[in-house]
Amino acid sequence: MKPTLSVITVVYNNLADIGRTMLSVLNQTYPHIEYIVIDGASTDGTLDIINTYKNRITKFISEPDKGIYDAMNKGLALATGEYVIFMNSGDEFYAADTVEKVFATADDADIYYGETEMVNARRESLGQRRHKAPVKFSWRGFKYGMSISHQAIYIRRTLAEPYDPAYQLSADIDWIIRAAKKAKKIVKVDGYVAKYLVGGMSKAKHRQSLEERFAIMRKHYGLVPTVFNHFIIAFNLGTYWLRHKRTND
């Protein structure tokens, strides 16, 4: 038997994108999907879109929450599948057969992951993320930055602890590291597995996001290594922007 995947979508007042995200889940060719939608009591018409597909949703909640990670924890608490993945409003599976391809092997891994394509609000491709998904990944793999997006990582549910509410913008990094620490087998899936809509709160509150990321890395990797690694991160970022500036000139 193929495993059941719990796909969790969190949304609040995102009428423009929720339909596309939901259809990317509902149109998957993989049959063993438990679809959970957590809405934060939207008032902009988002609920009308959700109700259009309500008979195809496994579990649905619409109520106020304390922020995105509180909503994501509600989804985790409802999940019963062998694996979980978050496909929040605005993001999508890369193709209709993405989940089927992920579980096509008999690897029985604790974590599956792949590459993410970035798109803008017009759904135009911005290419691959700056942090390319590594060929091999372990919990130490985020020391130079988040190399795997949460839309592109499938985690065995028994390893997925609740998100830490102490972090408002970057709790997904801490969540993935904690799961990876317990994972015995991690497998990379070839090619793109998700589309990520650029923007969001972490970009709008960039400084707070960076401070949280530093605190998370310090917790898992230690202060001195984290400070040293940030020099490498800064160098890599500068090199990346310089290279792309020359390409665009």
Protein backbone atom coordinates (compact mmCIF):
# COMPACT_ATOMS: atom_id res chain seq x y z
CA MET A 1 0.00 0.00 0.00
CA LYS A 2 1.17 3.48 -0.85
CA PRO A 3 1.26 5.91 2.10
CA THR A 4 -1.39 8.52 2.76
CA LEU A 5 -0.17 12.10 2.47
CA SER A 6 -1.78 14.79 4.62
CA VAL A 7 -1.66 18.04 2.64
CA ILE A 8 -2.33 21.08 4.81
CA THR A 9 -3.28 24.48 3.39
CA VAL A 10 -3.33 27.53 5.66
CA VAL A 11 -5.05 30.68 4.41
CA TYR A 12 -6.32 34.04 5.59
CA ASN A 13 -7.90 36.62 3.27
CA ASN A 14 -6.18 35.43 0.10
CA LEU A 15 -8.97 35.40 -2.46
CA ALA A 16 -6.52 35.88 -5.33
CA ASP A 17 -4.55 32.68 -4.75
CA ILE A 18 -6.51 30.15 -2.70
CA GLY A 19 -8.33 28.60 -5.67
CA ARG A 20 -5.13 27.90 -7.58
CA THR A 21 -3.52 26.31 -4.53
CA MET A 22 -6.52 24.13 -3.78
CA LEU A 23 -6.77 22.89 -7.36
CA SER A 24 -3.09 22.00 -7.39
CA VAL A 25 -3.87 19.66 -4.48
CA LEU A 26 -7.24 18.39 -5.62
CA ASN A 27 -6.00 17.63 -9.15
CA GLN A 28 -3.14 15.40 -8.01
CA THR A 29 -3.14 12.00 -9.69
CA TYR A 30 -2.03 10.36 -6.44
CA PRO A 31 -5.17 8.90 -4.81
CA HIS A 32 -4.08 8.66 -1.16
CA ILE A 33 -4.33 12.30 -0.08
CA GLU A 34 -5.96 13.67 3.07
CA TYR A 35 -6.62 17.36 2.40
CA ILE A 36 -6.86 19.70 5.38
CA VAL A 37 -7.68 23.41 5.01
CA ILE A 38 -7.25 25.84 7.91
CA ASP A 39 -8.77 29.29 7.39
CA GLY A 40 -8.28 32.17 9.82
CA ALA A 41 -11.88 33.43 9.54
CA SER A 42 -11.40 35.19 6.21
CA THR A 43 -13.73 38.04 5.25
CA ASP A 44 -12.66 38.82 1.66
CA GLY A 45 -14.43 36.06 -0.26
CA THR A 46 -11.83 33.36 0.40
CA LEU A 47 -14.46 31.23 2.13
CA ASP A 48 -16.64 31.32 -0.99
CA ILE A 49 -13.81 29.74 -2.99
CA ILE A 50 -13.14 27.14 -0.29
CA ASN A 51 -16.83 26.22 -0.11
CA THR A 52 -16.81 25.59 -3.86
CA TYR A 53 -14.55 22.59 -3.22
CA LYS A 54 -15.71 21.78 0.32
CA ASN A 55 -17.01 18.30 -0.60
CA ARG A 56 -13.50 17.38 -1.75
CA ILE A 57 -11.78 18.57 1.45
CA THR A 58 -11.17 15.98 4.15
CA LYS A 59 -11.10 18.38 7.11
CA PHE A 60 -11.83 22.10 7.29
CA ILE A 61 -11.62 24.73 10.03
CA SER A 62 -12.45 28.42 9.77
CA GLU A 63 -11.78 30.38 12.96
CA PRO A 64 -9.49 33.12 14.26
CA ASP A 65 -5.94 32.10 15.11
CA LYS A 66 -2.80 33.56 16.67
CA GLY A 67 -0.81 33.67 13.44
CA ILE A 68 0.32 31.42 10.62
CA TYR A 69 2.18 28.88 12.77
CA ASP A 70 -0.74 28.57 15.18
CA ALA A 71 -2.89 27.76 12.14
CA MET A 72 -0.31 25.29 10.85
CA ASN A 73 -0.25 23.56 14.23
CA LYS A 74 -4.02 23.17 14.01
CA GLY A 75 -3.52 21.42 10.69
CA LEU A 76 -0.85 19.14 12.13
CA ALA A 77 -3.14 18.18 15.01
CA LEU A 78 -5.79 17.05 12.52
CA ALA A 79 -3.44 15.13 10.22
CA THR A 80 -3.60 11.32 10.19
CA GLY A 81 -1.53 10.47 7.11
CA GLU A 82 1.86 8.75 7.18
CA TYR A 83 3.44 11.93 5.75
CA VAL A 84 2.61 15.64 5.94
CA ILE A 85 3.34 18.58 3.69
CA PHE A 86 2.23 22.21 3.81
CA MET A 87 0.95 23.81 0.63
CA ASN A 88 -0.19 27.18 1.90
CA SER A 89 -2.29 29.64 -0.07
CA GLY A 90 -0.36 30.99 -3.05
CA ASP A 91 1.92 27.95 -3.42
CA GLU A 92 1.37 24.90 -5.61
CA PHE A 93 2.54 21.41 -6.37
CA TYR A 94 4.74 21.66 -9.44
CA ALA A 95 2.55 19.39 -11.59
CA ALA A 96 -0.51 17.17 -11.31
CA ASP A 97 1.63 14.03 -10.96
CA THR A 98 4.14 15.48 -8.45
CA VAL A 99 2.98 13.49 -5.40
CA GLU A 100 2.71 10.32 -7.45
CA LYS A 101 6.33 10.72 -8.55
CA VAL A 102 7.49 11.37 -4.97
CA PHE A 103 6.01 8.09 -3.74
CA ALA A 104 6.81 6.08 -6.89
CA THR A 105 9.91 4.59 -5.27
CA ALA A 106 10.02 1.98 -2.52
CA ASP A 107 12.51 3.94 -0.43
CA ASP A 108 10.24 4.26 2.63
CA ALA A 109 12.17 7.37 3.65
CA ASP A 110 11.46 9.51 6.69
CA ILE A 111 11.81 12.65 4.56
CA TYR A 112 11.47 13.27 0.83
CA TYR A 113 12.47 16.61 -0.67
CA GLY A 114 12.98 18.30 -4.01
CA GLU A 115 13.59 21.58 -5.80
CA THR A 116 11.30 24.64 -5.77
CA GLU A 117 10.47 27.01 -8.61
CA MET A 118 9.77 30.61 -7.64
CA VAL A 119 6.88 32.48 -9.26
CA ASN A 120 5.63 36.06 -8.99
CA ALA A 121 2.07 37.31 -8.51
CA ARG A 122 1.44 36.94 -12.26
CA ARG A 123 2.56 33.27 -11.96
CA GLU A 124 5.59 34.00 -14.09
CA SER A 125 8.59 31.79 -13.38
CA LEU A 126 11.50 33.44 -11.56
CA GLY A 127 13.55 30.27 -11.80
CA GLN A 128 15.16 28.19 -9.10
CA ARG A 129 15.68 29.40 -5.55
CA ARG A 130 19.07 30.93 -4.74
CA HIS A 131 19.68 28.10 -2.27
CA LYS A 132 19.67 25.03 -4.48
CA ALA A 133 18.34 21.86 -2.85
CA PRO A 134 21.39 19.76 -1.91
CA VAL A 135 22.07 16.32 -3.32
CA LYS A 136 22.35 15.05 0.26
CA PHE A 137 20.51 16.65 3.17
CA SER A 138 20.81 16.31 6.94
CA TRP A 139 19.82 18.51 9.86
CA ARG A 140 23.13 20.33 9.47
CA GLY A 141 22.17 21.33 5.94
CA PHE A 142 20.60 24.66 6.90
CA LYS A 143 23.75 26.12 8.45
CA TYR A 144 24.34 28.26 5.34
CA GLY A 145 20.68 29.08 4.73
CA MET A 146 17.34 27.39 4.09
CA SER A 147 18.19 25.15 1.15
CA ILE A 148 14.79 23.40 1.05
CA SER A 149 11.46 25.23 1.16
CA HIS A 150 8.64 23.85 3.29
CA GLN A 151 6.48 23.40 0.16
CA ALA A 152 9.03 20.92 -1.16
CA ILE A 153 9.55 18.65 1.84
CA TYR A 154 7.48 15.60 2.80
CA ILE A 155 8.00 14.58 6.43
CA ARG A 156 6.87 11.41 8.17
CA ARG A 157 4.13 12.61 10.48
CA THR A 158 5.52 10.86 13.56
CA LEU A 159 8.63 13.06 13.24
CA ALA A 160 6.72 16.32 12.75
CA GLU A 161 6.46 18.12 16.07
CA PRO A 162 4.36 21.30 16.47
CA TYR A 163 5.85 24.57 15.26
CA ASP A 164 7.49 26.64 17.99
CA PRO A 165 5.27 29.70 18.65
CA ALA A 166 8.33 31.64 19.83
CA TYR A 167 9.11 32.27 16.15
CA GLN A 168 6.62 34.34 14.17
CA LEU A 169 8.29 34.29 10.75
CA SER A 170 10.90 31.52 10.57
CA ALA A 171 9.50 28.64 12.63
CA ASP A 172 9.49 26.44 9.52
CA ILE A 173 13.31 26.36 9.57
CA ASP A 174 13.34 25.16 13.18
CA TRP A 175 10.55 22.66 12.38
CA ILE A 176 12.44 21.07 9.50
CA ILE A 177 15.73 20.89 11.43
CA ARG A 178 14.04 19.18 14.39
CA ALA A 179 12.43 16.60 12.09
CA ALA A 180 15.67 16.02 10.17
CA LYS A 181 17.53 15.36 13.43
CA LYS A 182 15.25 12.38 14.05
CA ALA A 183 15.14 11.12 10.46
CA LYS A 184 17.05 7.95 9.63
CA LYS A 185 16.57 8.11 5.86
CA ILE A 186 16.25 11.23 3.71
CA VAL A 187 15.73 10.94 -0.05
CA LYS A 188 15.94 13.62 -2.74
CA VAL A 189 13.36 13.59 -5.53
CA ASP A 190 14.67 14.63 -8.94
CA GLY A 191 13.48 17.92 -10.38
CA TYR A 192 10.96 20.50 -9.24
CA VAL A 193 8.24 19.44 -6.81
CA ALA A 194 6.71 22.80 -5.81
CA LYS A 195 6.04 26.37 -6.89
CA TYR A 196 6.62 29.10 -4.32
CA LEU A 197 4.90 32.49 -4.55
CA VAL A 198 7.54 35.05 -3.59
CA GLY A 199 6.75 37.68 -0.99
CA GLY A 200 4.89 37.14 2.26
CA MET A 201 5.50 38.29 5.81
CA SER A 202 9.12 37.14 5.99
CA LYS A 203 9.95 39.52 3.14
CA ALA A 204 7.85 42.38 4.52
CA LYS A 205 9.50 42.00 7.94
CA HIS A 206 12.93 41.02 6.68
CA ARG A 207 14.95 42.13 9.71
CA GLN A 208 12.80 40.22 12.18
CA SER A 209 12.99 37.17 9.93
CA LEU A 210 16.79 37.35 9.85
CA GLU A 211 16.98 37.75 13.63
CA GLU A 212 14.80 34.68 14.11
CA ARG A 213 16.88 32.67 11.65
CA PHE A 214 20.05 33.59 13.54
CA ALA A 215 18.45 32.53 16.85
CA ILE A 216 17.34 29.21 15.34
CA MET A 217 20.76 28.46 13.90
CA ARG A 218 22.42 29.42 17.18
CA LYS A 219 20.12 26.99 19.02
CA HIS A 220 20.93 24.07 16.73
CA TYR A 221 24.52 24.77 15.64
CA GLY A 222 26.00 26.88 18.44
CA LEU A 223 26.92 30.58 18.64
CA VAL A 224 30.48 30.55 17.26
CA PRO A 225 29.72 28.32 14.25
CA THR A 226 26.61 30.40 13.49
CA VAL A 227 28.57 33.67 13.51
CA PHE A 228 31.24 32.12 11.27
CA ASN A 229 28.63 30.63 8.94
CA HIS A 230 26.95 34.02 8.56
CA PHE A 231 30.15 35.43 7.10
CA ILE A 232 29.97 32.66 4.51
CA ILE A 233 26.27 33.36 3.93
CA ALA A 234 27.05 37.07 3.38
CA PHE A 235 29.87 36.22 0.98
CA ASN A 236 27.69 33.79 -0.99
CA LEU A 237 24.86 36.33 -1.14
CA GLY A 238 27.18 39.07 -2.39
CA THR A 239 28.65 36.76 -5.01
CA TYR A 240 25.17 35.70 -6.13
CA TRP A 241 23.91 39.26 -6.58
CA LEU A 242 27.09 40.40 -8.29
CA ARG A 243 26.95 37.51 -10.73
CA HIS A 244 23.31 38.12 -11.56
CA LYS A 245 23.83 41.88 -11.82
CA ARG A 246 26.46 41.28 -14.48
CA THR A 247 24.15 38.86 -16.25
CA ASN A 248 21.35 41.44 -16.34
CA ASP A 249 23.56 44.37 -17.38
